[in-house]
């Protein structure tokens, strides 16, 4: 099919903009940022305490080193960015098992945490503020059906939350392993009947309207990596490909869309960069564009740890 053209039901409607916006997540029953500093963070995921590298934590930890030392798992990185390495486990013969899995939950949606070789555990807690915002927009649209797409969708937590709120979701990721994990999460959440299509494919191509699966969506979630490869070895670089991706995603918006969320991790850029890019792509579509940073607040109202940049756009009905 030909590339989709921008859907502009209200031509040249002014775009309102708000910057900077700082969105904080203070944790919930299954997550807390306990402490941070000296290039690391101490977190609680369910009953497990985990230490991971964190370059943004330039300050001094406040909790005793003995408490850090009692963590159940610590990720030891290899290389400048600490993205690859191994987990070391406390009091576990043989160093433990990277495939170890445990149950977590957010707002009534259960999912699985898992130790991976690239320091992540299957969920980005700072995204909770986006989940709540998206969920409210979907629910406010009732009884109108809402069709959404989750690109670079990883383990599917956002897809499940959107589906539980009532959306029909297309979930796309290039990793077969991530898709399998996402489907495990669907089973754990007992959401087998949820309207979710699981697609292992190149999210960038669909976002740019270069696939026959191109459709119209009321909501779009974008969480692209800094660098990656598609299922056929396609190279993704955020500084080269984010502009056509955003333009393509805007062309996939339904005639009366609700939202679009973009989060960018681990890039050397200001949120003003993605704000200007998003504003250019959304020119004439009206609504509100907010851009800034996602931050985690230490337990008990402590320090704020910046994790990522974001731009999000909404045009409620």
C-alpha atoms as a PDB file:
ATOM      1  CA  UNK A   1       0.000   0.000   0.000  1.00  0.00           C
ATOM      2  CA  UNK A   2       1.226   3.595  -0.532  1.00  0.00           C
ATOM      3  CA  UNK A   3       2.704   5.502   2.358  1.00  0.00           C
ATOM      4  CA  UNK A   4       0.007   6.944   4.599  1.00  0.00           C
ATOM      5  CA  UNK A   5      -0.563  10.687   4.368  1.00  0.00           C
ATOM      6  CA  UNK A   6      -0.927  12.937   7.407  1.00  0.00           C
ATOM      7  CA  UNK A   7      -4.436  12.899   8.847  1.00  0.00           C
ATOM      8  CA  UNK A   8      -5.347  16.512   9.553  1.00  0.00           C
ATOM      9  CA  UNK A   9      -8.990  16.819  10.468  1.00  0.00           C
ATOM     10  CA  UNK A  10      -8.337  20.341  11.768  1.00  0.00           C
ATOM     11  CA  UNK A  11      -5.857  21.900   9.314  1.00  0.00           C
ATOM     12  CA  UNK A  12      -3.341  24.408  10.701  1.00  0.00           C
ATOM     13  CA  UNK A  13      -4.628  24.193  14.260  1.00  0.00           C
ATOM     14  CA  UNK A  14      -2.052  25.874  16.557  1.00  0.00           C
ATOM     15  CA  UNK A  15       0.113  23.587  18.666  1.00  0.00           C
ATOM     16  CA  UNK A  16       0.421  24.547  22.316  1.00  0.00           C
ATOM     17  CA  UNK A  17       3.768  23.771  23.955  1.00  0.00           C
ATOM     18  CA  UNK A  18       4.981  23.418  27.532  1.00  0.00           C
ATOM     19  CA  UNK A  19       8.637  23.109  28.583  1.00  0.00           C
ATOM     20  CA  UNK A  20      10.357  22.142  30.729  1.00  0.00           C
ATOM     21  CA  UNK A  21       8.143  19.521  32.330  1.00  0.00           C
ATOM     22  CA  UNK A  22       9.631  17.291  35.033  1.00  0.00           C
ATOM     23  CA  UNK A  23       7.616  14.125  35.653  1.00  0.00           C
ATOM     24  CA  UNK A  24       8.426  12.317  38.894  1.00  0.00           C
ATOM     25  CA  UNK A  25       7.778   8.739  39.902  1.00  0.00           C
ATOM     26  CA  UNK A  26       8.074   8.101  43.634  1.00  0.00           C
ATOM     27  CA  UNK A  27       7.655   4.354  43.413  1.00  0.00           C
ATOM     28  CA  UNK A  28       4.807   2.009  44.294  1.00  0.00           C
ATOM     29  CA  UNK A  29       4.244  -1.204  46.244  1.00  0.00           C
ATOM     30  CA  UNK A  30       6.571  -3.259  44.007  1.00  0.00           C
ATOM     31  CA  UNK A  31       9.204  -0.605  43.272  1.00  0.00           C
ATOM     32  CA  UNK A  32      11.336   1.939  45.126  1.00  0.00           C
ATOM     33  CA  UNK A  33      14.548   3.822  44.458  1.00  0.00           C
ATOM     34  CA  UNK A  34      16.121   3.286  47.877  1.00  0.00           C
ATOM     35  CA  UNK A  35      19.365   5.223  47.427  1.00  0.00           C
ATOM     36  CA  UNK A  36      21.762   6.439  44.744  1.00  0.00           C
ATOM     37  CA  UNK A  37      25.214   7.888  44.380  1.00  0.00           C
ATOM     38  CA  UNK A  38      28.820   7.147  43.407  1.00  0.00           C
ATOM     39  CA  UNK A  39      27.649   6.063  39.960  1.00  0.00           C
ATOM     40  CA  UNK A  40      25.109   3.488  41.119  1.00  0.00           C
ATOM     41  CA  UNK A  41      21.537   3.069  42.333  1.00  0.00           C
ATOM     42  CA  UNK A  42      20.009   0.775  44.935  1.00  0.00           C
ATOM     43  CA  UNK A  43      16.469  -0.273  44.007  1.00  0.00           C
ATOM     44  CA  UNK A  44      13.766  -2.560  45.313  1.00  0.00           C
ATOM     45  CA  UNK A  45      11.794  -4.653  42.826  1.00  0.00           C
ATOM     46  CA  UNK A  46       9.202  -6.579  44.768  1.00  0.00           C
ATOM     47  CA  UNK A  47      11.125  -8.307  47.554  1.00  0.00           C
ATOM     48  CA  UNK A  48      14.505  -8.084  45.781  1.00  0.00           C
ATOM     49  CA  UNK A  49      17.092  -5.362  46.313  1.00  0.00           C
ATOM     50  CA  UNK A  50      19.221  -4.667  43.263  1.00  0.00           C
ATOM     51  CA  UNK A  51      22.301  -2.513  42.578  1.00  0.00           C
ATOM     52  CA  UNK A  52      22.922  -1.254  39.043  1.00  0.00           C
ATOM     53  CA  UNK A  53      25.292   1.293  37.460  1.00  0.00           C
ATOM     54  CA  UNK A  54      23.891   4.827  37.115  1.00  0.00           C
ATOM     55  CA  UNK A  55      26.160   7.460  35.586  1.00  0.00           C
ATOM     56  CA  UNK A  56      23.773  10.292  36.521  1.00  0.00           C
ATOM     57  CA  UNK A  57      24.203   9.619  40.252  1.00  0.00           C
ATOM     58  CA  UNK A  58      27.189  11.913  40.821  1.00  0.00           C
ATOM     59  CA  UNK A  59      26.543  12.511  44.531  1.00  0.00           C
ATOM     60  CA  UNK A  60      27.337  10.508  47.674  1.00  0.00           C
ATOM     61  CA  UNK A  61      25.064   7.633  48.767  1.00  0.00           C
ATOM     62  CA  UNK A  62      23.161   8.306  51.986  1.00  0.00           C
ATOM     63  CA  UNK A  63      22.522   4.763  53.168  1.00  0.00           C
ATOM     64  CA  UNK A  64      25.312   2.743  54.810  1.00  0.00           C
ATOM     65  CA  UNK A  65      27.554   0.692  52.540  1.00  0.00           C
ATOM     66  CA  UNK A  66      26.576  -2.357  54.605  1.00  0.00           C
ATOM     67  CA  UNK A  67      22.999  -1.928  53.362  1.00  0.00           C
ATOM     68  CA  UNK A  68      24.200  -1.743  49.757  1.00  0.00           C
ATOM     69  CA  UNK A  69      26.274  -4.845  50.407  1.00  0.00           C
ATOM     70  CA  UNK A  70      23.157  -6.800  51.412  1.00  0.00           C
ATOM     71  CA  UNK A  71      21.599  -6.348  47.970  1.00  0.00           C
ATOM     72  CA  UNK A  72      20.318  -9.583  46.433  1.00  0.00           C
ATOM     73  CA  UNK A  73      21.914  -8.829  43.056  1.00  0.00           C
ATOM     74  CA  UNK A  74      24.491  -6.420  41.677  1.00  0.00           C
ATOM     75  CA  UNK A  75      25.152  -5.777  37.998  1.00  0.00           C
ATOM     76  CA  UNK A  76      28.825  -5.481  37.118  1.00  0.00           C
ATOM     77  CA  UNK A  77      29.231  -3.807  33.747  1.00  0.00           C
ATOM     78  CA  UNK A  78      31.874  -4.265  31.094  1.00  0.00           C
ATOM     79  CA  UNK A  79      32.813  -1.308  28.890  1.00  0.00           C
ATOM     80  CA  UNK A  80      32.265   2.422  29.030  1.00  0.00           C
ATOM     81  CA  UNK A  81      28.457   2.415  29.129  1.00  0.00           C
ATOM     82  CA  UNK A  82      28.007  -0.545  31.494  1.00  0.00           C
ATOM     83  CA  UNK A  83      25.310  -1.945  29.207  1.00  0.00           C
ATOM     84  CA  UNK A  84      26.901  -5.377  29.003  1.00  0.00           C
ATOM     85  CA  UNK A  85      28.151  -7.410  31.903  1.00  0.00           C
ATOM     86  CA  UNK A  86      26.980  -9.930  34.449  1.00  0.00           C
ATOM     87  CA  UNK A  87      24.974 -10.179  37.627  1.00  0.00           C
ATOM     88  CA  UNK A  88      26.568 -11.155  40.908  1.00  0.00           C
ATOM     89  CA  UNK A  89      24.256 -12.635  43.524  1.00  0.00           C
ATOM     90  CA  UNK A  90      24.536 -12.611  47.288  1.00  0.00           C
ATOM     91  CA  UNK A  91      24.945 -16.051  48.894  1.00  0.00           C
ATOM     92  CA  UNK A  92      24.158 -17.936  45.700  1.00  0.00           C
ATOM     93  CA  UNK A  93      26.456 -20.809  44.724  1.00  0.00           C
ATOM     94  CA  UNK A  94      27.884 -20.593  41.237  1.00  0.00           C
ATOM     95  CA  UNK A  95      26.948 -16.945  40.749  1.00  0.00           C
ATOM     96  CA  UNK A  96      23.238 -17.505  40.230  1.00  0.00           C
ATOM     97  CA  UNK A  97      21.175 -17.746  37.061  1.00  0.00           C
ATOM     98  CA  UNK A  98      20.656 -14.845  34.634  1.00  0.00           C
ATOM     99  CA  UNK A  99      17.322 -16.365  33.683  1.00  0.00           C
ATOM    100  CA  UNK A 100      15.884 -16.031  37.191  1.00  0.00           C
ATOM    101  CA  UNK A 101      12.385 -14.588  37.089  1.00  0.00           C
ATOM    102  CA  UNK A 102      10.095 -13.078  39.718  1.00  0.00           C
ATOM    103  CA  UNK A 103       6.644 -11.505  39.767  1.00  0.00           C
ATOM    104  CA  UNK A 104       5.892  -7.776  39.923  1.00  0.00           C
ATOM    105  CA  UNK A 105       2.723  -5.739  39.512  1.00  0.00           C
ATOM    106  CA  UNK A 106       1.630  -2.205  38.687  1.00  0.00           C
ATOM    107  CA  UNK A 107      -1.921  -0.939  39.136  1.00  0.00           C
ATOM    108  CA  UNK A 108      -3.351  -4.445  39.077  1.00  0.00           C
ATOM    109  CA  UNK A 109      -1.347  -5.611  36.050  1.00  0.00           C
ATOM    110  CA  UNK A 110       1.110  -8.406  37.001  1.00  0.00           C
ATOM    111  CA  UNK A 111       4.276  -8.957  34.961  1.00  0.00           C
ATOM    112  CA  UNK A 112       7.644 -10.689  35.224  1.00  0.00           C
ATOM    113  CA  UNK A 113      10.971  -9.220  36.290  1.00  0.00           C
ATOM    114  CA  UNK A 114      14.043 -11.006  34.986  1.00  0.00           C
ATOM    115  CA  UNK A 115      17.805 -10.541  35.195  1.00  0.00           C
ATOM    116  CA  UNK A 116      19.273  -9.879  31.735  1.00  0.00           C
ATOM    117  CA  UNK A 117      22.820  -9.611  30.448  1.00  0.00           C
ATOM    118  CA  UNK A 118      22.308  -5.940  29.602  1.00  0.00           C
ATOM    119  CA  UNK A 119      21.488  -4.759  33.175  1.00  0.00           C
ATOM    120  CA  UNK A 120      17.736  -4.219  32.675  1.00  0.00           C
ATOM    121  CA  UNK A 121      15.058  -6.267  34.451  1.00  0.00           C
ATOM    122  CA  UNK A 122      12.093  -5.941  32.073  1.00  0.00           C
ATOM    123  CA  UNK A 123      10.504  -2.704  33.266  1.00  0.00           C
ATOM    124  CA  UNK A 124      11.396   0.989  33.379  1.00  0.00           C
ATOM    125  CA  UNK A 125       9.708   2.287  36.560  1.00  0.00           C
ATOM    126  CA  UNK A 126       9.933   5.964  35.569  1.00  0.00           C
ATOM    127  CA  UNK A 127       7.460   5.217  32.764  1.00  0.00           C
ATOM    128  CA  UNK A 128       4.679   4.865  35.357  1.00  0.00           C
ATOM    129  CA  UNK A 129       3.785   8.529  34.956  1.00  0.00           C
ATOM    130  CA  UNK A 130       3.250   7.958  31.211  1.00  0.00           C
ATOM    131  CA  UNK A 131       1.213   4.815  31.883  1.00  0.00           C
ATOM    132  CA  UNK A 132      -1.179   6.695  34.156  1.00  0.00           C
ATOM    133  CA  UNK A 133      -1.514   9.601  31.718  1.00  0.00           C
ATOM    134  CA  UNK A 134      -2.160   7.286  28.761  1.00  0.00           C
ATOM    135  CA  UNK A 135      -4.628   5.175  30.750  1.00  0.00           C
ATOM    136  CA  UNK A 136      -6.656   8.253  31.725  1.00  0.00           C
ATOM    137  CA  UNK A 137      -6.875   9.456  28.112  1.00  0.00           C
ATOM    138  CA  UNK A 138      -8.045   6.033  26.914  1.00  0.00           C
ATOM    139  CA  UNK A 139     -10.695   5.812  29.616  1.00  0.00           C
ATOM    140  CA  UNK A 140     -11.904   9.362  28.987  1.00  0.00           C
ATOM    141  CA  UNK A 141     -12.521   8.418  25.342  1.00  0.00           C
ATOM    142  CA  UNK A 142     -15.095   5.753  26.252  1.00  0.00           C
ATOM    143  CA  UNK A 143     -17.295   4.444  24.723  1.00  0.00           C
ATOM    144  CA  UNK A 144     -15.319   5.317  21.613  1.00  0.00           C
ATOM    145  CA  UNK A 145     -12.889   2.488  20.673  1.00  0.00           C
ATOM    146  CA  UNK A 146      -9.221   3.428  20.911  1.00  0.00           C
ATOM    147  CA  UNK A 147      -6.621   1.849  18.641  1.00  0.00           C
ATOM    148  CA  UNK A 148      -2.996   2.125  19.728  1.00  0.00           C
ATOM    149  CA  UNK A 149       0.453   0.977  18.630  1.00  0.00           C
ATOM    150  CA  UNK A 150       3.434   0.367  20.915  1.00  0.00           C
ATOM    151  CA  UNK A 151       6.716   0.590  18.959  1.00  0.00           C
ATOM    152  CA  UNK A 152      10.021  -0.782  20.305  1.00  0.00           C
ATOM    153  CA  UNK A 153       7.645  -2.275  22.846  1.00  0.00           C
ATOM    154  CA  UNK A 154      10.040  -4.528  24.810  1.00  0.00           C
ATOM    155  CA  UNK A 155       8.272  -6.683  27.447  1.00  0.00           C
ATOM    156  CA  UNK A 156       4.816  -5.249  26.924  1.00  0.00           C
ATOM    157  CA  UNK A 157       3.995  -3.584  30.237  1.00  0.00           C
ATOM    158  CA  UNK A 158       2.709  -0.432  28.491  1.00  0.00           C
ATOM    159  CA  UNK A 159       0.767  -2.560  25.985  1.00  0.00           C
ATOM    160  CA  UNK A 160      -0.945  -4.485  28.794  1.00  0.00           C
ATOM    161  CA  UNK A 161      -1.831  -1.319  30.716  1.00  0.00           C
ATOM    162  CA  UNK A 162      -3.291   0.275  27.573  1.00  0.00           C
ATOM    163  CA  UNK A 163      -5.269  -2.884  26.802  1.00  0.00           C
ATOM    164  CA  UNK A 164      -6.607  -3.089  30.337  1.00  0.00           C
ATOM    165  CA  UNK A 165      -7.800   0.529  30.026  1.00  0.00           C
ATOM    166  CA  UNK A 166      -9.794  -0.531  26.963  1.00  0.00           C
ATOM    167  CA  UNK A 167      -7.523   0.017  23.970  1.00  0.00           C
ATOM    168  CA  UNK A 168      -6.907  -2.332  21.060  1.00  0.00           C
ATOM    169  CA  UNK A 169      -3.103  -2.532  20.879  1.00  0.00           C
ATOM    170  CA  UNK A 170      -0.567  -3.491  18.222  1.00  0.00           C
ATOM    171  CA  UNK A 171       2.691  -4.399  19.984  1.00  0.00           C
ATOM    172  CA  UNK A 172       5.840  -4.356  17.822  1.00  0.00           C
ATOM    173  CA  UNK A 173       9.427  -5.237  18.713  1.00  0.00           C
ATOM    174  CA  UNK A 174      12.341  -6.574  16.664  1.00  0.00           C
ATOM    175  CA  UNK A 175      13.395  -9.065  19.352  1.00  0.00           C
ATOM    176  CA  UNK A 176      11.769 -12.499  19.383  1.00  0.00           C
ATOM    177  CA  UNK A 177      12.922 -12.880  22.967  1.00  0.00           C
ATOM    178  CA  UNK A 178      11.200  -9.637  23.988  1.00  0.00           C
ATOM    179  CA  UNK A 179       7.979 -10.694  22.251  1.00  0.00           C
ATOM    180  CA  UNK A 180       8.092 -14.052  24.062  1.00  0.00           C
ATOM    181  CA  UNK A 181       8.590 -12.244  27.387  1.00  0.00           C
ATOM    182  CA  UNK A 182       5.686  -9.911  26.603  1.00  0.00           C
ATOM    183  CA  UNK A 183       3.416 -12.857  25.904  1.00  0.00           C
ATOM    184  CA  UNK A 184       4.508 -14.431  29.185  1.00  0.00           C
ATOM    185  CA  UNK A 185       3.461 -11.194  30.875  1.00  0.00           C
ATOM    186  CA  UNK A 186       0.076 -11.412  29.160  1.00  0.00           C
ATOM    187  CA  UNK A 187      -0.391 -14.913  30.557  1.00  0.00           C
ATOM    188  CA  UNK A 188       0.756 -13.901  34.052  1.00  0.00           C
ATOM    189  CA  UNK A 189      -1.750 -11.025  33.947  1.00  0.00           C
ATOM    190  CA  UNK A 190      -4.543 -13.410  32.835  1.00  0.00           C
ATOM    191  CA  UNK A 191      -5.209 -11.086  29.907  1.00  0.00           C
ATOM    192  CA  UNK A 192      -5.344 -13.719  27.160  1.00  0.00           C
ATOM    193  CA  UNK A 193      -8.566 -12.178  25.877  1.00  0.00           C
ATOM    194  CA  UNK A 194      -7.097  -8.668  25.651  1.00  0.00           C
ATOM    195  CA  UNK A 195      -7.060  -7.143  22.162  1.00  0.00           C
ATOM    196  CA  UNK A 196      -3.313  -7.203  21.553  1.00  0.00           C
ATOM    197  CA  UNK A 197      -1.528  -8.133  18.306  1.00  0.00           C
ATOM    198  CA  UNK A 198       2.044  -9.278  18.920  1.00  0.00           C
ATOM    199  CA  UNK A 199       4.334  -8.541  15.973  1.00  0.00           C
ATOM    200  CA  UNK A 200       8.046  -9.304  15.735  1.00  0.00           C
ATOM    201  CA  UNK A 201       9.175  -6.780  13.158  1.00  0.00           C
ATOM    202  CA  UNK A 202      10.992  -3.552  12.402  1.00  0.00           C
ATOM    203  CA  UNK A 203       9.198  -0.887  14.422  1.00  0.00           C
ATOM    204  CA  UNK A 204      11.004   1.874  12.531  1.00  0.00           C
ATOM    205  CA  UNK A 205       9.621   0.707   9.178  1.00  0.00           C
ATOM    206  CA  UNK A 206       6.062   0.552  10.454  1.00  0.00           C
ATOM    207  CA  UNK A 207       6.459   3.945  12.115  1.00  0.00           C
ATOM    208  CA  UNK A 208       7.617   5.421   8.824  1.00  0.00           C
ATOM    209  CA  UNK A 209       4.648   3.863   6.990  1.00  0.00           C
ATOM    210  CA  UNK A 210       6.920   1.562   4.937  1.00  0.00           C
ATOM    211  CA  UNK A 211       5.013  -1.638   5.592  1.00  0.00           C
ATOM    212  CA  UNK A 212       1.707  -3.106   4.460  1.00  0.00           C
ATOM    213  CA  UNK A 213       0.661  -3.227   8.089  1.00  0.00           C
ATOM    214  CA  UNK A 214       0.455   0.593   8.176  1.00  0.00           C
ATOM    215  CA  UNK A 215      -2.836   1.665   9.725  1.00  0.00           C
ATOM    216  CA  UNK A 216      -4.325   4.602  11.634  1.00  0.00           C
ATOM    217  CA  UNK A 217      -3.905   4.889  15.381  1.00  0.00           C
ATOM    218  CA  UNK A 218      -5.489   6.969  18.122  1.00  0.00           C
ATOM    219  CA  UNK A 219      -2.421   6.555  20.336  1.00  0.00           C
ATOM    220  CA  UNK A 220       1.252   5.898  19.604  1.00  0.00           C
ATOM    221  CA  UNK A 221       3.959   4.911  22.107  1.00  0.00           C
ATOM    222  CA  UNK A 222       7.595   5.297  21.026  1.00  0.00           C
ATOM    223  CA  UNK A 223      10.491   4.050  23.141  1.00  0.00           C
ATOM    224  CA  UNK A 224      13.354   3.716  20.647  1.00  0.00           C
ATOM    225  CA  UNK A 225      16.861   2.662  21.659  1.00  0.00           C
ATOM    226  CA  UNK A 226      19.889   4.842  21.031  1.00  0.00           C
ATOM    227  CA  UNK A 227      21.213   2.169  18.671  1.00  0.00           C
ATOM    228  CA  UNK A 228      19.837  -1.157  17.566  1.00  0.00           C
ATOM    229  CA  UNK A 229      19.172  -3.620  14.781  1.00  0.00           C
ATOM    230  CA  UNK A 230      15.961  -4.859  13.205  1.00  0.00           C
ATOM    231  CA  UNK A 231      15.026  -8.529  12.703  1.00  0.00           C
ATOM    232  CA  UNK A 232      16.934  -8.590   9.383  1.00  0.00           C
ATOM    233  CA  UNK A 233      19.957  -6.662  10.635  1.00  0.00           C
ATOM    234  CA  UNK A 234      18.586  -3.210   9.798  1.00  0.00           C
ATOM    235  CA  UNK A 235      20.609  -0.537  11.604  1.00  0.00           C
ATOM    236  CA  UNK A 236      18.821   1.954  13.837  1.00  0.00           C
ATOM    237  CA  UNK A 237      20.535   5.118  15.073  1.00  0.00           C
ATOM    238  CA  UNK A 238      18.384   7.579  16.982  1.00  0.00           C
ATOM    239  CA  UNK A 239      20.182  10.685  15.723  1.00  0.00           C
ATOM    240  CA  UNK A 240      19.809   9.597  12.090  1.00  0.00           C
ATOM    241  CA  UNK A 241      16.412   7.929  12.121  1.00  0.00           C
ATOM    242  CA  UNK A 242      14.303   9.655  14.774  1.00  0.00           C
ATOM    243  CA  UNK A 243      13.183  12.467  12.457  1.00  0.00           C
ATOM    244  CA  UNK A 244      11.695  10.221   9.726  1.00  0.00           C
ATOM    245  CA  UNK A 245      10.257   7.959  12.425  1.00  0.00           C
ATOM    246  CA  UNK A 246       8.394  10.826  14.089  1.00  0.00           C
ATOM    247  CA  UNK A 247       7.168  12.179  10.761  1.00  0.00           C
ATOM    248  CA  UNK A 248       5.969   8.720   9.796  1.00  0.00           C
ATOM    249  CA  UNK A 249       4.198   8.201  13.107  1.00  0.00           C
ATOM    250  CA  UNK A 250       2.350  11.492  12.743  1.00  0.00           C
ATOM    251  CA  UNK A 251       1.192  10.296   9.314  1.00  0.00           C
ATOM    252  CA  UNK A 252      -0.283   7.215  11.025  1.00  0.00           C
ATOM    253  CA  UNK A 253      -2.430   9.201  13.452  1.00  0.00           C
ATOM    254  CA  UNK A 254      -6.185   8.685  13.135  1.00  0.00           C
ATOM    255  CA  UNK A 255      -8.391  11.624  12.110  1.00  0.00           C
ATOM    256  CA  UNK A 256      -9.129  12.441  15.771  1.00  0.00           C
ATOM    257  CA  UNK A 257      -6.112  11.080  17.682  1.00  0.00           C
ATOM    258  CA  UNK A 258      -5.598  11.115  21.437  1.00  0.00           C
ATOM    259  CA  UNK A 259      -1.879  10.952  22.177  1.00  0.00           C
ATOM    260  CA  UNK A 260       1.701  10.214  21.206  1.00  0.00           C
ATOM    261  CA  UNK A 261       4.527   9.474  23.662  1.00  0.00           C
ATOM    262  CA  UNK A 262       8.251   9.583  22.846  1.00  0.00           C
ATOM    263  CA  UNK A 263      10.921   8.602  25.395  1.00  0.00           C
ATOM    264  CA  UNK A 264      14.648   8.786  24.692  1.00  0.00           C
ATOM    265  CA  UNK A 265      17.246   7.075  26.887  1.00  0.00           C
ATOM    266  CA  UNK A 266      21.025   7.409  27.119  1.00  0.00           C
ATOM    267  CA  UNK A 267      21.515  10.074  24.467  1.00  0.00           C
ATOM    268  CA  UNK A 268      23.743  13.123  24.650  1.00  0.00           C
ATOM    269  CA  UNK A 269      21.079  15.693  23.894  1.00  0.00           C
ATOM    270  CA  UNK A 270      18.715  18.120  25.580  1.00  0.00           C
ATOM    271  CA  UNK A 271      14.977  17.575  25.811  1.00  0.00           C
ATOM    272  CA  UNK A 272      14.732  20.800  23.794  1.00  0.00           C
ATOM    273  CA  UNK A 273      16.098  18.847  20.826  1.00  0.00           C
ATOM    274  CA  UNK A 274      13.302  16.289  20.787  1.00  0.00           C
ATOM    275  CA  UNK A 275      10.769  18.998  21.691  1.00  0.00           C
ATOM    276  CA  UNK A 276      11.663  21.018  18.585  1.00  0.00           C
ATOM    277  CA  UNK A 277      11.668  17.873  16.446  1.00  0.00           C
ATOM    278  CA  UNK A 278       8.261  16.769  17.762  1.00  0.00           C
ATOM    279  CA  UNK A 279       6.843  20.278  17.311  1.00  0.00           C
ATOM    280  CA  UNK A 280       7.986  20.295  13.686  1.00  0.00           C
ATOM    281  CA  UNK A 281       6.395  16.899  13.026  1.00  0.00           C
ATOM    282  CA  UNK A 282       3.116  17.846  14.749  1.00  0.00           C
ATOM    283  CA  UNK A 283       2.773  21.327  13.234  1.00  0.00           C
ATOM    284  CA  UNK A 284      -0.851  22.057  12.388  1.00  0.00           C
ATOM    285  CA  UNK A 285      -2.270  19.208  14.486  1.00  0.00           C
ATOM    286  CA  UNK A 286      -3.225  21.288  17.507  1.00  0.00           C
ATOM    287  CA  UNK A 287      -3.228  19.818  20.988  1.00  0.00           C
ATOM    288  CA  UNK A 288      -0.595  20.156  23.708  1.00  0.00           C
ATOM    289  CA  UNK A 289       3.056  19.115  23.413  1.00  0.00           C
ATOM    290  CA  UNK A 290       4.946  18.680  26.698  1.00  0.00           C
ATOM    291  CA  UNK A 291       8.680  17.971  26.846  1.00  0.00           C
ATOM    292  CA  UNK A 292      11.161  17.475  29.645  1.00  0.00           C
ATOM    293  CA  UNK A 293      12.674  14.742  31.786  1.00  0.00           C
ATOM    294  CA  UNK A 294      11.465  11.640  33.583  1.00  0.00           C
ATOM    295  CA  UNK A 295      12.905  11.352  37.078  1.00  0.00           C
ATOM    296  CA  UNK A 296      12.790   8.865  39.920  1.00  0.00           C
ATOM    297  CA  UNK A 297      12.429  10.226  43.449  1.00  0.00           C
ATOM    298  CA  UNK A 298      14.277   8.384  46.191  1.00  0.00           C
ATOM    299  CA  UNK A 299      12.088   6.704  48.788  1.00  0.00           C
ATOM    300  CA  UNK A 300      10.887   9.051  51.495  1.00  0.00           C
ATOM    301  CA  UNK A 301      11.019  12.161  49.321  1.00  0.00           C
ATOM    302  CA  UNK A 302      14.783  12.079  48.769  1.00  0.00           C
ATOM    303  CA  UNK A 303      16.840  13.168  45.803  1.00  0.00           C
ATOM    304  CA  UNK A 304      15.687  13.096  42.199  1.00  0.00           C
ATOM    305  CA  UNK A 305      17.461  10.932  39.640  1.00  0.00           C
ATOM    306  CA  UNK A 306      16.967  11.875  35.994  1.00  0.00           C
ATOM    307  CA  UNK A 307      16.575   8.827  33.756  1.00  0.00           C
ATOM    308  CA  UNK A 308      15.427   9.976  30.304  1.00  0.00           C
ATOM    309  CA  UNK A 309      14.080  12.682  28.031  1.00  0.00           C
ATOM    310  CA  UNK A 310      10.533  12.752  26.736  1.00  0.00           C
ATOM    311  CA  UNK A 311       8.045  14.553  24.540  1.00  0.00           C
ATOM    312  CA  UNK A 312       4.368  13.685  24.744  1.00  0.00           C
ATOM    313  CA  UNK A 313       1.449  15.108  22.818  1.00  0.00           C
ATOM    314  CA  UNK A 314      -2.258  14.944  23.542  1.00  0.00           C
ATOM    315  CA  UNK A 315      -5.465  16.180  21.980  1.00  0.00           C
ATOM    316  CA  UNK A 316      -8.297  14.938  24.206  1.00  0.00           C
ATOM    317  CA  UNK A 317     -11.747  14.686  22.648  1.00  0.00           C
END
